[in-house]
Amino acid sequence: MTNSDMSSMELGEKLLQSVKEMKANNVGRLNKVEPNDVAKARLKTGLSQSQFALALQISSRTLQEWEQGRRKPSGAAKALIQIAFRHPEIIQEELQANG
């Protein structure tokens, strides 16, 4: 038996064990992700990602990148996020005015 055969067998055994645990209602591990400041600000406004992005006049993709931590807002955008967190009603008003 080669190393790749052994790896395949080990993987198969692990998968079988996982299926048995799922059938027995055993939860493996739980990952809890805390939203970052951008997501918290958006959630506080009650707006969807597309609505929030529209209110901030940015692309939905940019907002997703910020919320997922792949990029960070800077300058004016960072200030707008802070305002959105402190005064979510202003962001909602902006969306209504431009929507």
N, C-alpha and C. Protein backbone atom coordinates (compact mmCIF):
# COMPACT_ATOMS: atom_id res chain seq x y z
N MET A 1 0.83 -1.18 0.00
CA MET A 1 0.00 0.00 0.00
C MET A 1 0.88 1.25 0.00
N THR A 2 0.56 2.20 -0.86
CA THR A 2 1.34 3.44 -0.91
C THR A 2 0.75 4.47 0.04
N ASN A 3 1.49 5.55 0.22
CA ASN A 3 1.00 6.62 1.09
C ASN A 3 -0.32 7.20 0.61
N SER A 4 -0.49 7.33 -0.73
CA SER A 4 -1.74 7.89 -1.24
C SER A 4 -2.90 6.94 -0.98
N ASP A 5 -2.64 5.60 -1.05
CA ASP A 5 -3.69 4.63 -0.72
C ASP A 5 -4.06 4.74 0.76
N MET A 6 -3.08 4.88 1.60
CA MET A 6 -3.33 4.99 3.03
C MET A 6 -4.13 6.25 3.33
N SER A 7 -3.79 7.34 2.66
CA SER A 7 -4.52 8.59 2.85
C SER A 7 -5.97 8.44 2.44
N SER A 8 -6.21 7.76 1.35
CA SER A 8 -7.58 7.54 0.88
C SER A 8 -8.35 6.70 1.88
N MET A 9 -7.71 5.69 2.42
CA MET A 9 -8.39 4.84 3.41
C MET A 9 -8.69 5.63 4.68
N GLU A 10 -7.71 6.41 5.13
CA GLU A 10 -7.92 7.21 6.33
C GLU A 10 -9.05 8.23 6.12
N LEU A 11 -9.07 8.83 4.96
CA LEU A 11 -10.11 9.79 4.65
C LEU A 11 -11.47 9.11 4.65
N GLY A 12 -11.54 7.96 4.05
CA GLY A 12 -12.79 7.20 4.02
C GLY A 12 -13.27 6.87 5.42
N GLU A 13 -12.35 6.46 6.29
CA GLU A 13 -12.72 6.14 7.67
C GLU A 13 -13.22 7.38 8.41
N LYS A 14 -12.57 8.50 8.19
CA LYS A 14 -13.00 9.74 8.83
C LYS A 14 -14.38 10.17 8.35
N LEU A 15 -14.61 10.04 7.04
CA LEU A 15 -15.92 10.38 6.50
C LEU A 15 -17.00 9.46 7.06
N LEU A 16 -16.72 8.19 7.14
CA LEU A 16 -17.68 7.23 7.70
C LEU A 16 -17.98 7.57 9.15
N GLN A 17 -16.95 7.91 9.92
CA GLN A 17 -17.15 8.29 11.32
C GLN A 17 -18.00 9.55 11.42
N SER A 18 -17.77 10.50 10.53
CA SER A 18 -18.56 11.74 10.53
C SER A 18 -20.03 11.45 10.25
N VAL A 19 -20.29 10.58 9.30
CA VAL A 19 -21.67 10.22 8.97
C VAL A 19 -22.34 9.55 10.16
N LYS A 20 -21.62 8.67 10.83
CA LYS A 20 -22.17 8.01 12.03
C LYS A 20 -22.50 9.02 13.11
N GLU A 21 -21.63 10.00 13.31
CA GLU A 21 -21.86 11.04 14.32
C GLU A 21 -23.06 11.91 13.95
N MET A 22 -23.21 12.24 12.67
CA MET A 22 -24.36 13.03 12.24
C MET A 22 -25.66 12.27 12.47
N LYS A 23 -25.66 10.98 12.14
CA LYS A 23 -26.86 10.17 12.34
C LYS A 23 -27.20 10.04 13.82
N ALA A 24 -26.19 10.07 14.67
CA ALA A 24 -26.41 9.97 16.12
C ALA A 24 -26.73 11.35 16.72
N ASN A 25 -26.84 12.37 15.86
CA ASN A 25 -27.12 13.74 16.28
C ASN A 25 -26.00 14.35 17.12
N ASN A 26 -24.79 13.92 16.92
CA ASN A 26 -23.64 14.51 17.61
C ASN A 26 -23.11 15.66 16.75
N VAL A 27 -23.04 16.82 17.35
CA VAL A 27 -22.51 17.97 16.62
C VAL A 27 -21.01 17.99 16.79
N GLY A 28 -20.30 18.13 15.68
CA GLY A 28 -18.85 18.15 15.73
C GLY A 28 -18.33 19.39 16.42
N ARG A 29 -18.29 20.47 15.72
CA ARG A 29 -17.82 21.72 16.30
C ARG A 29 -18.69 22.85 15.78
N LEU A 30 -18.81 23.85 16.58
CA LEU A 30 -19.56 25.03 16.19
C LEU A 30 -18.61 26.21 16.06
N ASN A 31 -18.74 26.92 14.97
CA ASN A 31 -17.95 28.12 14.77
C ASN A 31 -18.87 29.31 14.86
N LYS A 32 -18.57 30.21 15.75
CA LYS A 32 -19.36 31.42 15.89
C LYS A 32 -18.53 32.58 15.39
N VAL A 33 -19.07 33.28 14.43
CA VAL A 33 -18.37 34.41 13.83
C VAL A 33 -19.02 35.69 14.33
N GLU A 34 -18.22 36.55 14.91
CA GLU A 34 -18.71 37.84 15.38
C GLU A 34 -18.63 38.83 14.22
N PRO A 35 -19.71 39.58 13.99
CA PRO A 35 -19.64 40.59 12.93
C PRO A 35 -18.63 41.69 13.28
N ASN A 36 -17.96 42.20 12.26
CA ASN A 36 -17.01 43.29 12.49
C ASN A 36 -17.76 44.61 12.59
N ASP A 37 -17.05 45.71 12.76
CA ASP A 37 -17.68 47.02 12.95
C ASP A 37 -18.55 47.44 11.77
N VAL A 38 -18.13 47.10 10.57
CA VAL A 38 -18.91 47.47 9.38
C VAL A 38 -20.25 46.73 9.40
N ALA A 39 -20.19 45.42 9.63
CA ALA A 39 -21.42 44.62 9.67
C ALA A 39 -22.31 45.06 10.83
N LYS A 40 -21.71 45.37 11.97
CA LYS A 40 -22.51 45.84 13.12
C LYS A 40 -23.24 47.13 12.78
N ALA A 41 -22.56 48.03 12.10
CA ALA A 41 -23.19 49.31 11.73
C ALA A 41 -24.36 49.05 10.78
N ARG A 42 -24.14 48.18 9.79
CA ARG A 42 -25.22 47.88 8.83
C ARG A 42 -26.39 47.21 9.54
N LEU A 43 -26.09 46.25 10.40
CA LEU A 43 -27.16 45.55 11.11
C LEU A 43 -27.96 46.52 11.99
N LYS A 44 -27.28 47.49 12.54
CA LYS A 44 -27.95 48.47 13.39
C LYS A 44 -28.94 49.31 12.59
N THR A 45 -28.65 49.52 11.31
CA THR A 45 -29.56 50.30 10.46
C THR A 45 -30.76 49.46 10.03
N GLY A 46 -30.62 48.15 10.08
CA GLY A 46 -31.70 47.27 9.63
C GLY A 46 -31.76 47.13 8.12
N LEU A 47 -30.72 47.58 7.43
CA LEU A 47 -30.71 47.54 5.98
C LEU A 47 -30.00 46.29 5.46
N SER A 48 -30.37 45.89 4.26
CA SER A 48 -29.67 44.79 3.60
C SER A 48 -28.31 45.32 3.12
N GLN A 49 -27.46 44.41 2.66
CA GLN A 49 -26.16 44.84 2.14
C GLN A 49 -26.34 45.77 0.94
N SER A 50 -27.23 45.42 0.05
CA SER A 50 -27.40 46.26 -1.15
C SER A 50 -27.97 47.63 -0.79
N GLN A 51 -28.90 47.69 0.18
CA GLN A 51 -29.46 48.97 0.60
C GLN A 51 -28.40 49.83 1.28
N PHE A 52 -27.62 49.21 2.16
CA PHE A 52 -26.59 49.94 2.89
C PHE A 52 -25.53 50.47 1.92
N ALA A 53 -25.13 49.63 0.97
CA ALA A 53 -24.15 50.05 -0.03
C ALA A 53 -24.68 51.22 -0.85
N LEU A 54 -25.95 51.16 -1.21
CA LEU A 54 -26.56 52.25 -1.97
C LEU A 54 -26.56 53.55 -1.17
N ALA A 55 -26.90 53.45 0.11
CA ALA A 55 -26.93 54.64 0.97
C ALA A 55 -25.54 55.25 1.11
N LEU A 56 -24.50 54.40 1.16
CA LEU A 56 -23.13 54.90 1.30
C LEU A 56 -22.50 55.24 -0.05
N GLN A 57 -23.24 54.95 -1.14
CA GLN A 57 -22.78 55.18 -2.50
C GLN A 57 -21.49 54.42 -2.81
N ILE A 58 -21.50 53.15 -2.43
CA ILE A 58 -20.40 52.23 -2.73
C ILE A 58 -21.00 50.99 -3.39
N SER A 59 -20.17 50.14 -3.95
CA SER A 59 -20.68 48.92 -4.56
C SER A 59 -20.97 47.88 -3.47
N SER A 60 -21.91 47.01 -3.77
CA SER A 60 -22.23 45.92 -2.85
C SER A 60 -21.00 45.05 -2.61
N ARG A 61 -20.21 44.88 -3.65
CA ARG A 61 -19.00 44.05 -3.54
C ARG A 61 -18.01 44.66 -2.55
N THR A 62 -17.86 45.97 -2.60
CA THR A 62 -16.96 46.65 -1.66
C THR A 62 -17.44 46.43 -0.23
N LEU A 63 -18.74 46.58 -0.03
CA LEU A 63 -19.30 46.36 1.31
C LEU A 63 -19.06 44.92 1.77
N GLN A 64 -19.25 43.97 0.89
CA GLN A 64 -19.00 42.57 1.23
C GLN A 64 -17.54 42.35 1.62
N GLU A 65 -16.64 42.96 0.88
CA GLU A 65 -15.21 42.84 1.19
C GLU A 65 -14.92 43.40 2.58
N TRP A 66 -15.55 44.52 2.92
CA TRP A 66 -15.36 45.12 4.24
C TRP A 66 -15.94 44.23 5.32
N GLU A 67 -17.15 43.73 5.11
CA GLU A 67 -17.80 42.91 6.13
C GLU A 67 -17.08 41.59 6.35
N GLN A 68 -16.48 41.07 5.32
CA GLN A 68 -15.78 39.80 5.43
C GLN A 68 -14.33 39.97 5.86
N GLY A 69 -13.91 41.21 6.05
CA GLY A 69 -12.57 41.48 6.55
C GLY A 69 -11.45 41.37 5.54
N ARG A 70 -11.80 41.25 4.26
CA ARG A 70 -10.76 41.16 3.24
C ARG A 70 -10.19 42.53 2.90
N ARG A 71 -11.00 43.57 3.12
CA ARG A 71 -10.55 44.95 2.93
C ARG A 71 -11.11 45.77 4.08
N LYS A 72 -10.54 46.95 4.28
CA LYS A 72 -11.00 47.83 5.35
C LYS A 72 -11.31 49.19 4.78
N PRO A 73 -12.41 49.78 5.25
CA PRO A 73 -12.70 51.14 4.79
C PRO A 73 -11.68 52.12 5.35
N SER A 74 -11.44 53.18 4.62
CA SER A 74 -10.50 54.19 5.11
C SER A 74 -11.07 55.57 4.85
N GLY A 75 -10.52 56.55 5.50
CA GLY A 75 -10.90 57.94 5.27
C GLY A 75 -12.36 58.21 5.49
N ALA A 76 -12.99 58.81 4.47
CA ALA A 76 -14.39 59.22 4.56
C ALA A 76 -15.30 58.02 4.79
N ALA A 77 -14.99 56.91 4.16
CA ALA A 77 -15.83 55.72 4.33
C ALA A 77 -15.84 55.25 5.78
N LYS A 78 -14.69 55.29 6.40
CA LYS A 78 -14.59 54.90 7.80
C LYS A 78 -15.44 55.82 8.68
N ALA A 79 -15.40 57.10 8.39
CA ALA A 79 -16.21 58.08 9.14
C ALA A 79 -17.69 57.81 8.93
N LEU A 80 -18.08 57.49 7.69
CA LEU A 80 -19.49 57.17 7.43
C LEU A 80 -19.95 55.94 8.19
N ILE A 81 -19.10 54.95 8.30
CA ILE A 81 -19.43 53.73 9.05
C ILE A 81 -19.65 54.08 10.52
N GLN A 82 -18.80 54.93 11.06
CA GLN A 82 -18.95 55.33 12.46
C GLN A 82 -20.26 56.11 12.67
N ILE A 83 -20.60 56.96 11.73
CA ILE A 83 -21.86 57.70 11.80
C ILE A 83 -23.04 56.72 11.71
N ALA A 84 -22.93 55.76 10.82
CA ALA A 84 -23.99 54.76 10.67
C ALA A 84 -24.21 53.99 11.96
N PHE A 85 -23.12 53.70 12.66
CA PHE A 85 -23.25 52.96 13.91
C PHE A 85 -23.90 53.82 14.99
N ARG A 86 -23.49 55.07 15.08
CA ARG A 86 -24.01 55.96 16.13
C ARG A 86 -25.41 56.48 15.83
N HIS A 87 -25.69 56.68 14.52
CA HIS A 87 -26.96 57.29 14.12
C HIS A 87 -27.54 56.55 12.91
N PRO A 88 -28.00 55.32 13.11
CA PRO A 88 -28.49 54.53 11.97
C PRO A 88 -29.64 55.18 11.22
N GLU A 89 -30.40 56.02 11.90
CA GLU A 89 -31.54 56.67 11.25
C GLU A 89 -31.09 57.61 10.13
N ILE A 90 -29.89 58.17 10.25
CA ILE A 90 -29.37 59.06 9.21
C ILE A 90 -29.13 58.28 7.92
N ILE A 91 -28.60 57.09 8.06
CA ILE A 91 -28.33 56.25 6.88
C ILE A 91 -29.66 55.83 6.24
N GLN A 92 -30.64 55.51 7.05
CA GLN A 92 -31.95 55.14 6.52
C GLN A 92 -32.57 56.32 5.77
N GLU A 93 -32.44 57.52 6.34
CA GLU A 93 -32.95 58.74 5.67
C GLU A 93 -32.24 58.97 4.34
N GLU A 94 -30.93 58.75 4.33
CA GLU A 94 -30.15 58.94 3.09
C GLU A 94 -30.64 57.97 2.00
N LEU A 95 -30.93 56.76 2.39
CA LEU A 95 -31.41 55.77 1.42
C LEU A 95 -32.76 56.21 0.87
N GLN A 96 -33.64 56.69 1.72
CA GLN A 96 -34.96 57.13 1.28
C GLN A 96 -34.85 58.36 0.36
N ALA A 97 -33.94 59.26 0.69
CA ALA A 97 -33.77 60.47 -0.12
C ALA A 97 -33.22 60.16 -1.50
N ASN A 98 -32.32 59.16 -1.58
CA ASN A 98 -31.69 58.81 -2.87
C ASN A 98 -32.36 57.63 -3.55
N GLY A 99 -33.23 56.94 -2.86
CA GLY A 99 -33.83 55.72 -3.41
C GLY A 99 -34.96 55.93 -4.28
